[in-house]
Amino acid sequence: MAKRFELIVFDWDGTLMDSAGAIVASIQAAARDLGLAPPPDERARHVIGLGLGEALRHALPELEDERHEELADRYRHHYLAQDHELTLFAGAEDMVRALGEAGHLLAIATGKSRKGLDRALGHSGLGEIFQATRCADECHSKPHPQMLEELMDEFGVGPEATLMIGDTTHDLLMAKNAGTAAVGVAYGAHPTEALAEAAPLHLAESIEDLHRWLRANG
């Protein structure tokens, strides 16, 4: 049977990697290091998926511009102290490998830096599975469509044959801006109600649910 989506693009944090909690805690710890009140969980979770600089500006809008690099350094300190302990969501590796074996082109579009994604791919063992990746320090931050546009150009695949999968409204709006279909996952950073407002094709409650939907509709 012909594949509906030739190219499937995944977000990383909160979609394949169970890292949203660590990101929130690192943002809050970095704020405390600078003597600032840490942002509440909801605000810190909302910025997940954006490039680091943009994320931190949204999480702590009161911080003076000249101190943002200091904040970013403290965030990296806290996140890097634990990122080697983070794990994929149960079933994520099997799902991704099955999609590759079924002939789908697989890619990643993430708010992580290139260095951060390469490290995560190495720790997870998934680096060999993805044919291409785009990061926030190489492209405009989500929801700008540049990451998806570049991936589609690289593979020669049109928007009608491309699917974006992510756990944030930033992911789903990027897909809309690029003209591609999108699936949201409700087990990551953003609340289900916010994801639903972006009208994805499906809202997966778990990796198992996502894999089942992809087998039937991918």
Protein backbone atom coordinates (compact mmCIF):
# COMPACT_ATOMS: atom_id res chain seq x y z
CA MET A 1 0.00 0.00 0.00
CA ALA A 2 1.33 3.46 -0.90
CA LYS A 3 2.51 5.61 1.99
CA ARG A 4 0.45 8.71 2.72
CA PHE A 5 3.44 10.48 4.24
CA GLU A 6 6.78 9.92 2.59
CA LEU A 7 8.61 12.21 5.04
CA ILE A 8 7.89 12.08 8.78
CA VAL A 9 9.54 14.79 10.90
CA PHE A 10 9.73 14.48 14.67
CA ASP A 11 10.34 17.04 17.34
CA TRP A 12 12.79 15.74 19.95
CA ASP A 13 12.23 17.01 23.52
CA GLY A 14 8.87 15.92 24.89
CA THR A 15 8.05 13.93 21.75
CA LEU A 16 10.70 11.20 21.58
CA MET A 17 12.81 12.09 24.63
CA ASP A 18 11.24 12.35 28.08
CA SER A 19 13.01 15.62 28.87
CA ALA A 20 10.36 18.30 29.42
CA GLY A 21 10.63 18.07 33.21
CA ALA A 22 14.40 18.43 33.10
CA ILE A 23 14.14 21.50 30.85
CA VAL A 24 11.64 23.17 33.18
CA ALA A 25 13.78 22.45 36.24
CA SER A 26 16.91 23.79 34.49
CA ILE A 27 15.20 27.04 33.49
CA GLN A 28 13.99 27.54 37.04
CA ALA A 29 17.38 26.70 38.58
CA ALA A 30 19.12 29.11 36.19
CA ALA A 31 16.76 31.89 37.26
CA ARG A 32 17.52 31.23 40.92
CA ASP A 33 21.26 31.36 40.18
CA LEU A 34 20.77 34.92 38.92
CA GLY A 35 18.71 35.88 41.96
CA LEU A 36 15.44 35.91 40.05
CA ALA A 37 12.09 34.41 40.93
CA PRO A 38 11.82 31.23 38.84
CA PRO A 39 9.05 31.20 36.23
CA PRO A 40 6.06 29.01 37.11
CA ASP A 41 5.94 25.54 35.59
CA GLU A 42 3.31 26.49 33.00
CA ARG A 43 5.37 29.35 31.57
CA ALA A 44 8.59 27.32 31.59
CA ARG A 45 6.87 24.43 29.81
CA HIS A 46 5.37 26.75 27.21
CA VAL A 47 8.78 27.81 25.88
CA ILE A 48 9.99 24.25 25.27
CA GLY A 49 10.64 23.78 21.57
CA LEU A 50 11.86 27.32 20.94
CA GLY A 51 15.53 28.09 20.43
CA LEU A 52 17.29 28.61 23.76
CA GLY A 53 17.70 32.38 23.51
CA GLU A 54 14.10 32.96 22.52
CA ALA A 55 12.86 30.46 25.11
CA LEU A 56 14.68 32.16 27.96
CA ARG A 57 13.51 35.62 26.88
CA HIS A 58 9.91 34.42 26.98
CA ALA A 59 10.37 32.57 30.27
CA LEU A 60 11.99 35.56 32.00
CA PRO A 61 10.91 38.69 30.11
CA GLU A 62 11.92 40.92 33.00
CA LEU A 63 15.62 40.06 32.68
CA GLU A 64 17.91 42.74 31.26
CA ASP A 65 19.25 41.98 27.78
CA GLU A 66 22.87 42.05 28.91
CA ARG A 67 22.26 39.20 31.36
CA HIS A 68 20.68 36.75 28.92
CA GLU A 69 23.95 35.05 28.04
CA GLU A 70 24.65 34.55 31.74
CA LEU A 71 21.20 32.98 32.11
CA ALA A 72 21.83 30.71 29.12
CA ASP A 73 25.16 29.59 30.60
CA ARG A 74 23.49 28.66 33.88
CA TYR A 75 20.72 26.82 32.03
CA ARG A 76 23.31 24.77 30.13
CA HIS A 77 25.12 24.02 33.38
CA HIS A 78 22.02 22.56 34.99
CA TYR A 79 20.73 20.74 31.91
CA LEU A 80 24.07 19.19 30.96
CA ALA A 81 24.48 17.84 34.48
CA GLN A 82 21.54 15.51 33.85
CA ASP A 83 21.01 15.12 30.11
CA HIS A 84 22.99 11.86 29.98
CA GLU A 85 20.43 10.38 32.37
CA LEU A 86 17.40 11.25 30.24
CA THR A 87 15.68 8.44 28.37
CA LEU A 88 13.43 7.99 25.37
CA PHE A 89 9.75 7.47 26.03
CA ALA A 90 9.00 3.77 26.28
CA GLY A 91 8.32 2.41 22.81
CA ALA A 92 9.79 5.40 20.96
CA GLU A 93 12.80 3.54 19.58
CA ASP A 94 10.72 0.61 18.34
CA MET A 95 8.27 3.02 16.68
CA VAL A 96 10.93 5.01 14.88
CA ARG A 97 12.79 1.91 13.72
CA ALA A 98 9.54 0.40 12.42
CA LEU A 99 8.78 3.56 10.44
CA GLY A 100 12.23 3.45 8.88
CA GLU A 101 11.85 -0.22 7.98
CA ALA A 102 8.50 0.62 6.38
CA GLY A 103 10.30 2.97 3.99
CA HIS A 104 9.50 6.38 5.45
CA LEU A 105 12.09 9.14 5.30
CA LEU A 106 12.71 10.25 8.90
CA ALA A 107 13.97 13.61 10.14
CA ILE A 108 14.11 15.77 13.26
CA ALA A 109 13.23 19.46 13.67
CA THR A 110 14.13 20.64 17.16
CA GLY A 111 14.65 23.67 19.33
CA LYS A 112 17.89 22.11 20.56
CA SER A 113 21.27 23.33 19.38
CA ARG A 114 23.26 21.23 16.92
CA LYS A 115 25.69 20.26 19.66
CA GLY A 116 22.83 19.35 22.00
CA LEU A 117 20.99 17.25 19.43
CA ASP A 118 24.11 15.39 18.35
CA ARG A 119 24.81 14.56 21.99
CA ALA A 120 21.23 13.37 22.54
CA LEU A 121 21.27 11.24 19.39
CA GLY A 122 24.50 9.66 20.56
CA HIS A 123 23.16 8.89 24.02
CA SER A 124 19.91 7.48 22.66
CA GLY A 125 21.41 5.40 19.87
CA LEU A 126 18.95 6.81 17.33
CA GLY A 127 21.43 8.84 15.29
CA GLU A 128 21.64 6.24 12.53
CA ILE A 129 17.88 6.19 11.98
CA PHE A 130 17.31 9.81 10.96
CA GLN A 131 18.41 10.84 7.48
CA ALA A 132 18.39 14.57 8.26
CA THR A 133 18.00 16.97 11.18
CA ARG A 134 17.51 20.69 11.71
CA CYS A 135 18.25 22.66 14.89
CA ALA A 136 17.36 26.08 16.25
CA ASP A 137 20.90 27.44 15.94
CA GLU A 138 20.87 26.63 12.20
CA CYS A 139 17.40 27.89 11.30
CA HIS A 140 14.74 30.29 12.47
CA SER A 141 13.11 29.13 15.68
CA LYS A 142 9.70 27.46 15.53
CA PRO A 143 6.99 28.26 14.51
CA HIS A 144 8.84 29.70 11.50
CA PRO A 145 8.60 27.09 8.72
CA GLN A 146 12.28 27.15 7.71
CA MET A 147 13.19 23.80 9.32
CA LEU A 148 10.42 21.95 7.52
CA GLU A 149 10.97 23.81 4.27
CA GLU A 150 14.66 22.88 4.25
CA LEU A 151 13.93 19.24 5.04
CA MET A 152 11.34 19.00 2.28
CA ASP A 153 13.76 20.61 -0.17
CA GLU A 154 16.55 18.24 0.86
CA PHE A 155 14.44 15.16 0.12
CA GLY A 156 12.38 16.58 -2.74
CA VAL A 157 9.14 15.85 -0.87
CA GLY A 158 6.16 18.19 -1.04
CA PRO A 159 4.06 19.44 1.87
CA GLU A 160 1.22 17.07 0.98
CA ALA A 161 3.52 14.08 1.66
CA THR A 162 5.12 15.47 4.84
CA LEU A 163 3.98 14.99 8.44
CA MET A 164 5.24 16.90 11.48
CA ILE A 165 4.89 15.29 14.92
CA GLY A 166 5.41 17.31 18.10
CA ASP A 167 4.31 18.02 21.64
CA THR A 168 4.00 21.81 21.46
CA THR A 169 1.90 24.39 19.68
CA HIS A 170 5.19 25.68 18.24
CA ASP A 171 5.53 22.39 16.34
CA LEU A 172 1.95 22.38 15.10
CA LEU A 173 2.04 26.03 14.02
CA MET A 174 5.35 25.42 12.20
CA ALA A 175 3.61 22.65 10.26
CA LYS A 176 0.70 24.96 9.43
CA ASN A 177 3.10 27.66 8.27
CA ALA A 178 4.91 25.15 6.05
CA GLY A 179 1.67 23.73 4.65
CA THR A 180 2.21 20.22 6.02
CA ALA A 181 0.01 17.92 8.08
CA ALA A 182 0.67 17.59 11.80
CA VAL A 183 0.05 15.22 14.67
CA GLY A 184 0.26 16.39 18.28
CA VAL A 185 1.33 14.32 21.25
CA ALA A 186 -0.42 15.02 24.54
CA TYR A 187 2.20 13.45 26.83
CA GLY A 188 4.80 16.21 26.41
CA ALA A 189 5.18 19.90 27.26
CA HIS A 190 1.98 21.65 26.19
CA PRO A 191 -1.54 20.98 27.50
CA THR A 192 -3.96 18.98 25.39
CA GLU A 193 -6.41 21.88 25.08
CA ALA A 194 -3.79 24.15 23.51
CA LEU A 195 -2.68 21.44 21.08
CA ALA A 196 -6.28 20.74 20.08
CA GLU A 197 -6.79 24.40 19.13
CA ALA A 198 -4.15 23.95 16.42
CA ALA A 199 -6.34 21.24 14.84
CA PRO A 200 -3.81 18.44 14.28
CA LEU A 201 -4.88 15.30 12.41
CA HIS A 202 -4.59 13.35 15.65
CA LEU A 203 -3.70 13.92 19.29
CA ALA A 204 -1.79 10.91 20.60
CA GLU A 205 -2.10 10.11 24.29
CA SER A 206 0.98 7.89 24.33
CA ILE A 207 3.75 6.50 22.13
CA GLU A 208 1.64 3.38 21.70
CA ASP A 209 -1.29 5.49 20.50
CA LEU A 210 0.98 7.44 18.14
CA HIS A 211 2.50 4.27 16.69
CA ARG A 212 -0.94 2.75 16.19
CA TRP A 213 -2.16 5.87 14.36
CA LEU A 214 0.93 5.96 12.15
CA ARG A 215 0.52 2.31 11.19
CA ALA A 216 -3.07 2.99 10.15
CA ASN A 217 -2.65 6.42 8.59
CA GLY A 218 1.02 6.92 7.70
